[in-house]
Protein backbone atom coordinates (compact mmCIF):
# COMPACT_ATOMS: atom_id res chain seq x y z
CA UNK A 1 11.76 -22.86 5.00
CA UNK A 2 9.11 -25.49 4.18
CA UNK A 3 5.61 -26.07 5.50
CA UNK A 4 6.85 -29.25 7.19
CA UNK A 5 9.23 -27.09 9.26
CA UNK A 6 6.27 -25.10 10.56
CA UNK A 7 4.04 -27.92 11.75
CA UNK A 8 2.58 -27.04 15.14
CA UNK A 9 3.96 -23.49 14.97
CA UNK A 10 2.04 -20.22 14.71
CA UNK A 11 2.88 -17.76 11.95
CA UNK A 12 1.72 -14.28 11.00
CA UNK A 13 0.46 -14.23 7.43
CA UNK A 14 -0.03 -11.10 5.32
CA UNK A 15 -3.42 -11.86 3.79
CA UNK A 16 -5.05 -9.78 1.10
CA UNK A 17 -8.16 -11.92 1.06
CA UNK A 18 -7.55 -12.90 -2.55
CA UNK A 19 -7.07 -16.23 -4.26
CA UNK A 20 -3.46 -16.77 -3.16
CA UNK A 21 -4.19 -15.84 0.45
CA UNK A 22 -7.14 -18.19 0.73
CA UNK A 23 -5.34 -21.08 -0.93
CA UNK A 24 -2.14 -20.71 1.09
CA UNK A 25 -3.96 -20.29 4.41
CA UNK A 26 -6.10 -23.38 3.86
CA UNK A 27 -3.18 -25.48 2.60
CA UNK A 28 -0.91 -24.48 5.51
CA UNK A 29 -3.69 -25.22 8.00
CA UNK A 30 -4.11 -28.68 6.47
CA UNK A 31 -0.37 -29.21 7.06
CA UNK A 32 -0.75 -28.52 10.78
CA UNK A 33 0.40 -24.88 10.71
CA UNK A 34 -1.45 -22.33 12.84
CA UNK A 35 -2.08 -19.25 10.68
CA UNK A 36 -2.99 -15.85 12.08
CA UNK A 37 -4.01 -13.59 9.21
CA UNK A 38 -3.20 -9.89 9.24
CA UNK A 39 -5.05 -7.81 6.66
CA UNK A 40 -4.53 -4.12 5.98
CA UNK A 41 -7.53 -1.91 5.34
CA UNK A 42 -6.14 0.32 2.61
CA UNK A 43 -9.48 1.62 1.40
CA UNK A 44 -9.54 -1.00 -1.36
CA UNK A 45 -12.07 0.30 -3.92
CA UNK A 46 -12.79 -3.19 -5.27
CA UNK A 47 -13.80 -4.52 -1.84
CA UNK A 48 -17.46 -3.64 -1.24
CA UNK A 49 -17.43 -4.91 2.34
CA UNK A 50 -14.09 -5.20 4.11
CA UNK A 51 -15.55 -7.63 6.65
CA UNK A 52 -15.97 -10.12 3.79
CA UNK A 53 -12.20 -10.63 3.86
CA UNK A 54 -12.42 -11.81 7.47
CA UNK A 55 -15.10 -14.32 6.52
CA UNK A 56 -13.01 -15.64 3.61
CA UNK A 57 -9.87 -16.03 5.70
CA UNK A 58 -11.61 -17.74 8.62
CA UNK A 59 -13.37 -20.02 6.14
CA UNK A 60 -9.91 -20.79 4.76
CA UNK A 61 -8.80 -22.13 8.14
CA UNK A 62 -7.16 -19.11 9.75
CA UNK A 63 -6.74 -19.42 13.51
CA UNK A 64 -7.48 -15.71 13.89
CA UNK A 65 -7.98 -12.62 11.75
CA UNK A 66 -6.51 -9.20 12.58
CA UNK A 67 -7.69 -6.15 10.67
CA UNK A 68 -5.34 -3.14 10.62
CA UNK A 69 -6.76 0.23 9.55
CA UNK A 70 -4.06 1.85 7.41
CA UNK A 71 -6.11 4.20 5.24
CA UNK A 72 -4.46 7.27 6.78
CA UNK A 73 -1.00 5.80 6.18
CA UNK A 74 -1.66 4.88 2.52
CA UNK A 75 -3.04 8.38 1.87
CA UNK A 76 0.06 9.93 3.45
CA UNK A 77 2.52 7.87 1.44
CA UNK A 78 0.47 8.70 -1.67
CA UNK A 79 1.02 12.38 -0.93
CA UNK A 80 4.73 11.70 -0.45
CA UNK A 81 4.91 10.09 -3.89
CA UNK A 82 3.30 13.16 -5.42
CA UNK A 83 5.57 15.58 -3.58
CA UNK A 84 8.65 13.58 -4.59
CA UNK A 85 7.34 12.66 -8.07
CA UNK A 86 8.59 9.16 -7.23
CA UNK A 87 7.54 7.29 -10.36
CA UNK A 88 9.26 4.13 -11.54
CA UNK A 89 11.16 4.29 -14.83
CA UNK A 90 9.67 7.77 -15.37
CA UNK A 91 6.38 6.18 -16.33
CA UNK A 92 4.03 5.13 -13.58
CA UNK A 93 3.13 5.65 -9.98
CA UNK A 94 4.23 2.53 -8.13
CA UNK A 95 1.03 2.00 -6.18
CA UNK A 96 1.88 -1.56 -5.16
CA UNK A 97 5.36 -0.66 -3.93
CA UNK A 98 3.88 2.14 -1.82
CA UNK A 99 1.22 -0.17 -0.42
CA UNK A 100 3.83 -2.75 0.60
CA UNK A 101 5.64 -0.14 2.68
CA UNK A 102 2.42 0.62 4.54
CA UNK A 103 1.27 -3.00 4.87
CA UNK A 104 4.56 -4.39 6.18
CA UNK A 105 5.00 -1.54 8.65
CA UNK A 106 1.49 -2.14 9.98
CA UNK A 107 1.86 -5.92 10.22
CA UNK A 108 5.33 -5.99 11.78
CA UNK A 109 4.09 -3.53 14.39
CA UNK A 110 1.26 -5.94 15.23
CA UNK A 111 3.28 -9.17 15.28
CA UNK A 112 4.92 -8.37 18.60
CA UNK A 113 1.76 -8.45 20.80
CA UNK A 114 1.11 -12.00 19.51
CA UNK A 115 4.74 -13.08 20.13
CA UNK A 116 5.13 -14.03 16.46
CA UNK A 117 8.56 -14.17 14.86
CA UNK A 118 7.66 -15.88 11.57
CA UNK A 119 6.30 -13.56 8.90
CA UNK A 120 4.63 -15.24 5.93
CA UNK A 121 3.41 -13.83 2.63
CA UNK A 122 1.85 -15.07 -0.58
CA UNK A 123 4.11 -13.24 -3.03
CA UNK A 124 5.25 -15.18 -6.09
CA UNK A 125 8.86 -16.29 -6.37
CA UNK A 126 9.06 -14.54 -9.75
CA UNK A 127 7.86 -11.15 -8.59
CA UNK A 128 8.85 -8.02 -6.70
CA UNK A 129 6.71 -8.29 -3.59
CA UNK A 130 8.67 -11.18 -2.06
CA UNK A 131 11.71 -8.88 -2.06
CA UNK A 132 9.80 -5.86 -0.80
CA UNK A 133 8.08 -7.75 2.02
CA UNK A 134 11.30 -9.21 3.34
CA UNK A 135 13.53 -6.16 2.89
CA UNK A 136 11.05 -3.83 4.61
CA UNK A 137 10.27 -6.29 7.40
CA UNK A 138 13.98 -7.02 7.97
CA UNK A 139 14.73 -3.33 8.36
CA UNK A 140 11.91 -3.00 10.89
CA UNK A 141 12.78 -6.22 12.75
CA UNK A 142 16.05 -7.97 11.83
CA UNK A 143 15.14 -11.01 13.96
CA UNK A 144 12.16 -12.14 11.88
CA UNK A 145 12.09 -15.41 9.95
CA UNK A 146 10.10 -15.75 6.72
CA UNK A 147 7.97 -18.35 5.01
CA UNK A 148 6.93 -17.94 1.37
CA UNK A 149 4.64 -20.63 -0.05
CA UNK A 150 5.63 -19.87 -3.63
CA UNK A 151 9.21 -20.86 -2.80
CA UNK A 152 8.18 -24.06 -1.02
CA UNK A 153 8.61 -27.19 -3.14
CA UNK A 154 5.86 -28.94 -1.19
CA UNK A 155 3.40 -26.20 -2.15
CA UNK A 156 4.61 -25.97 -5.75
CA UNK A 157 3.95 -29.68 -6.31
CA UNK A 158 0.25 -28.98 -5.81
CA UNK A 159 -0.12 -25.54 -7.33
CA UNK A 160 1.27 -24.34 -10.64
CA UNK A 161 -0.87 -21.23 -10.95
CA UNK A 162 -4.35 -19.67 -10.77
CA UNK A 163 -6.22 -22.60 -12.32
CA UNK A 164 -5.06 -25.10 -9.70
CA UNK A 165 -5.76 -22.64 -6.88
CA UNK A 166 -9.27 -21.88 -8.14
CA UNK A 167 -10.02 -25.61 -8.44
CA UNK A 168 -8.63 -26.20 -4.94
CA UNK A 169 -10.79 -23.47 -3.41
CA UNK A 170 -13.92 -24.69 -5.19
CA UNK A 171 -13.24 -28.25 -3.99
CA UNK A 172 -12.86 -27.09 -0.38
CA UNK A 173 -15.79 -24.65 -0.61
CA UNK A 174 -13.68 -21.60 0.11
CA UNK A 175 -15.66 -18.43 -0.82
CA UNK A 176 -13.13 -16.82 -3.16
CA UNK A 177 -13.85 -13.84 -5.44
CA UNK A 178 -11.53 -15.05 -8.22
CA UNK A 179 -12.81 -17.14 -11.09
CA UNK A 180 -11.57 -18.40 -14.43
CA UNK A 181 -13.87 -15.78 -16.02
CA UNK A 182 -11.46 -13.09 -14.81
CA UNK A 183 -8.15 -14.40 -16.12
CA UNK A 184 -5.85 -11.87 -14.45
CA UNK A 185 -5.17 -10.75 -10.88
CA UNK A 186 -5.87 -7.36 -9.32
CA UNK A 187 -4.19 -5.62 -6.40
CA UNK A 188 -5.91 -2.54 -5.04
CA UNK A 189 -5.67 0.21 -2.47
CA UNK A 190 -6.85 3.79 -1.96
CA UNK A 191 -4.31 5.03 -4.52
CA UNK A 192 -5.51 2.78 -7.34
CA UNK A 193 -5.44 -0.67 -8.89
CA UNK A 194 -2.83 -2.91 -10.51
CA UNK A 195 -3.80 -5.67 -12.92
CA UNK A 196 -1.29 -8.32 -13.97
CA UNK A 197 -0.78 -12.01 -14.67
CA UNK A 198 -2.95 -14.36 -16.66
CA UNK A 199 -3.78 -13.24 -20.17
CA UNK A 200 -1.96 -9.93 -19.64
CA UNK A 201 1.34 -11.80 -19.74
CA UNK A 202 0.89 -12.32 -23.49
CA UNK A 203 1.66 -9.01 -25.21
CA UNK A 204 -0.53 -10.04 -28.15
CA UNK A 205 -3.60 -9.81 -25.93
CA UNK A 206 -5.37 -6.48 -26.03
CA UNK A 207 -5.28 -4.12 -23.08
CA UNK A 208 -9.04 -3.87 -23.52
CA UNK A 209 -9.30 -7.34 -21.99
CA UNK A 210 -9.05 -5.46 -18.68
CA UNK A 211 -12.33 -4.08 -17.37
CA UNK A 212 -11.58 -0.81 -15.54
CA UNK A 213 -12.94 -0.72 -12.01
CA UNK A 214 -12.43 2.97 -11.26
CA UNK A 215 -14.03 4.36 -14.39
CA UNK A 216 -14.11 3.97 -18.15
CA UNK A 217 -11.72 3.65 -21.03
CA UNK A 218 -11.24 7.14 -22.54
CA UNK A 219 -13.00 6.11 -25.75
CA UNK A 220 -16.08 5.15 -23.71
CA UNK A 221 -16.30 8.36 -21.68
CA UNK A 222 -18.95 11.00 -22.10
CA UNK A 223 -18.21 13.54 -24.82
CA UNK A 224 -18.21 16.26 -22.20
CA UNK A 225 -15.35 17.93 -20.34
CA UNK A 226 -15.28 18.62 -16.59
CA UNK A 227 -13.48 21.57 -15.04
CA UNK A 228 -12.28 21.36 -11.43
CA UNK A 229 -10.07 23.47 -9.17
CA UNK A 230 -7.49 22.24 -6.66
CA UNK A 231 -5.89 24.37 -3.95
CA UNK A 232 -2.46 23.47 -2.57
CA UNK A 233 -1.14 24.80 0.74
CA UNK A 234 2.49 24.07 1.69
CA UNK A 235 2.62 21.16 -0.73
CA UNK A 236 -0.65 19.60 0.47
CA UNK A 237 -3.86 19.55 -1.59
CA UNK A 238 -6.42 21.10 0.75
CA UNK A 239 -9.44 21.97 -1.36
CA UNK A 240 -11.38 20.45 -4.22
CA UNK A 241 -13.15 23.34 -5.92
CA UNK A 242 -14.04 25.43 -2.84
CA UNK A 243 -14.55 22.55 -0.40
CA UNK A 244 -11.95 21.58 2.19
CA UNK A 245 -11.44 17.80 2.06
CA UNK A 246 -9.33 15.30 3.96
CA UNK A 247 -6.54 13.52 2.13
CA UNK A 248 -8.37 10.18 2.26
CA UNK A 249 -11.58 11.69 0.87
CA UNK A 250 -9.65 13.59 -1.80
CA UNK A 251 -8.06 10.41 -3.18
CA UNK A 252 -11.44 8.70 -3.16
CA UNK A 253 -13.27 11.58 -4.84
CA UNK A 254 -10.62 12.16 -7.50
CA UNK A 255 -10.45 8.45 -8.29
CA UNK A 256 -14.16 8.64 -9.09
CA UNK A 257 -14.08 11.99 -10.89
CA UNK A 258 -10.97 11.16 -12.90
CA UNK A 259 -12.08 7.60 -13.61
CA UNK A 260 -15.41 8.72 -15.06
CA UNK A 261 -13.44 10.86 -17.52
CA UNK A 262 -10.89 8.16 -18.32
CA UNK A 263 -7.97 9.88 -16.60
CA UNK A 264 -5.24 7.53 -15.39
CA UNK A 265 -7.30 4.52 -16.44
CA UNK A 266 -5.47 1.32 -17.29
CA UNK A 267 -2.02 2.46 -18.33
CA UNK A 268 -0.47 -0.42 -20.25
CA UNK A 269 3.21 -0.66 -19.29
CA UNK A 270 6.10 -3.10 -19.44
CA UNK A 271 8.51 -2.79 -16.53
CA UNK A 272 11.79 -4.24 -15.34
CA UNK A 273 11.28 -6.35 -12.24
CA UNK A 274 13.80 -6.44 -9.42
CA UNK A 275 14.83 -10.00 -10.24
CA UNK A 276 15.83 -9.06 -13.78
CA UNK A 277 12.83 -10.12 -15.89
CA UNK A 278 10.21 -7.97 -17.58
CA UNK A 279 6.50 -7.97 -16.82
CA UNK A 280 3.41 -6.27 -18.11
CA UNK A 281 1.00 -4.42 -15.88
CA UNK A 282 -2.16 -2.41 -16.40
CA UNK A 283 -2.68 0.37 -13.88
CA UNK A 284 -5.58 2.56 -12.74
CA UNK A 285 -4.64 5.66 -10.76
CA UNK A 286 -6.88 8.64 -11.59
CA UNK A 287 -6.42 10.59 -8.34
CA UNK A 288 -2.66 10.42 -8.15
CA UNK A 289 -2.42 11.18 -11.88
CA UNK A 290 -4.47 14.36 -11.41
CA UNK A 291 -2.71 15.50 -8.24
CA UNK A 292 0.72 14.64 -9.63
CA UNK A 293 0.16 16.64 -12.81
CA UNK A 294 -1.08 19.65 -10.86
CA UNK A 295 1.76 19.48 -8.36
CA UNK A 296 4.44 19.28 -11.06
CA UNK A 297 2.94 22.21 -12.95
CA UNK A 298 3.00 24.37 -9.84
CA UNK A 299 6.54 23.25 -9.13
CA UNK A 300 7.64 24.30 -12.64
CA UNK A 301 6.44 27.83 -11.84
CA UNK A 302 8.12 27.95 -8.45
CA UNK A 303 11.64 26.47 -8.66
CA UNK A 304 14.64 27.55 -10.76
CA UNK A 305 16.35 25.45 -13.43
CA UNK A 306 19.17 24.14 -11.22
CA UNK A 307 16.79 23.12 -8.45
CA UNK A 308 14.46 21.44 -10.93
CA UNK A 309 17.31 19.39 -12.42
CA UNK A 310 18.38 18.22 -8.95
CA UNK A 311 14.77 17.47 -8.04
CA UNK A 312 14.32 15.31 -11.16
CA UNK A 313 17.45 13.33 -10.32
CA UNK A 314 16.28 12.73 -6.76
CA UNK A 315 12.78 11.82 -7.94
CA UNK A 316 14.15 9.14 -10.24
CA UNK A 317 16.32 7.78 -7.44
CA UNK A 318 13.36 7.60 -5.05
CA UNK A 319 11.17 5.95 -7.68
CA UNK A 320 13.74 3.19 -8.04
CA UNK A 321 14.24 2.77 -4.31
CA UNK A 322 10.50 2.55 -3.63
CA UNK A 323 10.18 -0.11 -6.30
CA UNK A 324 12.93 -2.16 -4.64
CA UNK A 325 11.55 -1.76 -1.11
CA UNK A 326 14.09 0.78 0.18
CA UNK A 327 11.78 3.66 1.11
CA UNK A 328 12.85 3.98 4.75
CA UNK A 329 16.61 3.38 4.57
CA UNK A 330 19.18 6.15 5.05
CA UNK A 331 19.54 6.87 1.34
CA UNK A 332 15.82 7.41 0.72
CA UNK A 333 15.29 9.25 4.00
CA UNK A 334 18.12 11.63 3.14
CA UNK A 335 16.65 12.37 -0.31
CA UNK A 336 13.14 12.89 1.04
CA UNK A 337 14.52 15.27 3.63
CA UNK A 338 16.19 17.32 0.88
CA UNK A 339 13.01 17.45 -1.20
CA UNK A 340 11.04 18.77 1.79
CA UNK A 341 13.02 22.00 1.37
CA UNK A 342 10.78 22.89 -1.57
CA UNK A 343 7.54 21.21 -0.48
CA UNK A 344 6.38 24.18 1.60
CA UNK A 345 6.84 26.45 -1.42
CA UNK A 346 4.09 24.70 -3.38
CA UNK A 347 1.07 26.94 -2.86
CA UNK A 348 -1.58 27.97 -5.33
CA UNK A 349 -4.91 27.37 -7.01
CA UNK A 350 -4.88 25.39 -10.24
CA UNK A 351 -7.83 24.86 -12.55
CA UNK A 352 -7.83 21.86 -14.84
CA UNK A 353 -10.09 20.27 -17.41
CA UNK A 354 -10.65 16.51 -17.64
CA UNK A 355 -11.68 15.13 -21.00
CA UNK A 356 -11.50 11.60 -22.39
CA UNK A 357 -8.36 10.60 -20.50
CA UNK A 358 -6.54 13.91 -20.80
CA UNK A 359 -5.66 16.52 -18.18
CA UNK A 360 -5.52 20.07 -19.50
CA UNK A 361 -4.09 22.79 -17.27
CA UNK A 362 -6.41 25.79 -17.68
CA UNK A 363 -5.06 28.41 -15.29
CA UNK A 364 -3.22 29.03 -12.04
CA UNK A 365 -3.36 31.83 -9.48
CA UNK A 366 -2.19 32.80 -6.01
CA UNK A 367 1.20 31.08 -6.47
CA UNK A 368 2.90 33.16 -3.81
CA UNK A 369 6.42 31.72 -4.30
CA UNK A 370 6.31 32.00 -8.09
CA UNK A 371 9.44 32.81 -10.14
CA UNK A 372 7.23 33.55 -13.15
CA UNK A 373 7.52 37.31 -13.68
CA UNK A 374 7.11 39.97 -16.38
CA UNK A 375 10.86 39.72 -16.98
CA UNK A 376 10.07 36.88 -19.37
CA UNK A 377 7.51 38.87 -21.34
CA UNK A 378 7.92 39.35 -25.09
CA UNK A 379 6.60 42.88 -24.57
CA UNK A 380 8.48 45.81 -23.08
CA UNK A 381 7.64 44.94 -19.49
CA UNK A 382 9.56 43.89 -16.39
CA UNK A 383 13.21 44.63 -15.59
CA UNK A 384 14.81 42.85 -18.55
CA UNK A 385 16.53 45.18 -21.04
CA UNK A 386 16.68 43.64 -24.52
CA UNK A 387 19.93 45.46 -25.19
CA UNK A 388 21.66 43.60 -22.36
CA UNK A 389 21.54 40.43 -24.44
CA UNK A 390 24.04 41.87 -26.94
CA UNK A 391 27.00 41.25 -24.65
CA UNK A 392 25.61 37.92 -23.48
CA UNK A 393 25.25 36.67 -27.05
CA UNK A 394 28.86 37.68 -27.85
CA UNK A 395 30.18 35.82 -24.80
CA UNK A 396 28.18 32.65 -25.49
CA UNK A 397 29.13 32.57 -29.18
CA UNK A 398 32.84 32.95 -28.38
CA UNK A 399 33.07 29.28 -27.50
CA UNK A 400 31.10 28.37 -30.65
CA UNK A 401 33.57 30.28 -32.84
CA UNK A 402 36.53 28.62 -31.13
CA UNK A 403 35.01 25.18 -31.73
CA UNK A 404 34.58 26.03 -35.41
CA UNK A 405 38.13 27.42 -35.78
CA UNK A 406 39.51 24.27 -34.17
CA UNK A 407 37.73 22.22 -36.87
CA UNK A 408 35.63 20.35 -34.29
CA UNK A 409 32.36 20.85 -36.14
CA UNK A 410 31.17 18.06 -38.42
CA UNK A 411 30.65 19.41 -41.92
CA UNK A 412 27.20 18.96 -43.42
CA UNK A 413 26.55 17.84 -46.96
CA UNK A 414 24.54 20.61 -48.60
CA UNK A 415 23.87 18.45 -51.65
């Protein structure tokens, strides 16, 4: 679909309020397209005043601006990620993928009252979000049509990248936040920030080119540790130290506390995009890094080996599906339902120390579903009789002897 196909029509546009959103909205409006902007309030920490986004989008030519408060939803999906340990490629918390689930759900829900059946987004044709937006939206409403400026030849003739967009916005006096002084893009929500593009695309450029927005690089933190306590009830973090806090406030507070101590600040990772190319991203996620570490430690105390192995497999599967946009299909829903079987078992108080980017588990208590008993003690405690291992060792070494007698063991060179 091209802009020329939309002349005189009204579309719903997912606007972040950033450079791409402003440029695309203004350009489409100049082509005779009526653009209604839908922006999700995800508790973006880099947006001092959310109402500024409305001003930018209206100044960019939007016919109307609809704000959707989704802070509760982004906090809830953040908790789900922690409970499922749904990290992508075992490395990082896919904050952007989670946010897209929340944003698309919120926007599609709000398109109907405006009788809109064309959903537009500013995702690049080389990235993941174009896939996520359209897969999620199509599952929620299979009758939607889509317009993506970065796949429109008419748009691409005018804009090659950030430089052309910045120049365009300056020429048309659009009040953008982006500038050539910040040569990379940032996507943010309550769970954290993602930096990519621009100079970060060259692996030779230092990660220190990124200026953390949630805290400090570990090397720049105070030479002083901070000890905090988190209390989990039925898989939900309820207290910070001895204070009961809401989920939204907890993410916000831990982003600040962790960020000040360099925890989860600017992880420098290379990932495999959905379309088959690699990209580099720098991520800030102090709160989810802290909560995730605590949750997994408690889980290691609570579940048995077989359950833990199955959990890890399902976590990896969910991490991949979230990345691809399939968080609400049957496969993912089935896995999440299975994981909920152990969520209610995660109870306990865990004390940790934060110091120059590191999380140190100090102690745990009141883990009522714990499998950690005195049976594992090296002392003569618990119900385990050392002598019982004699028969076990003979049984387990029987197979080893048979392997050796069958000459299936590779000989080592003792010289």
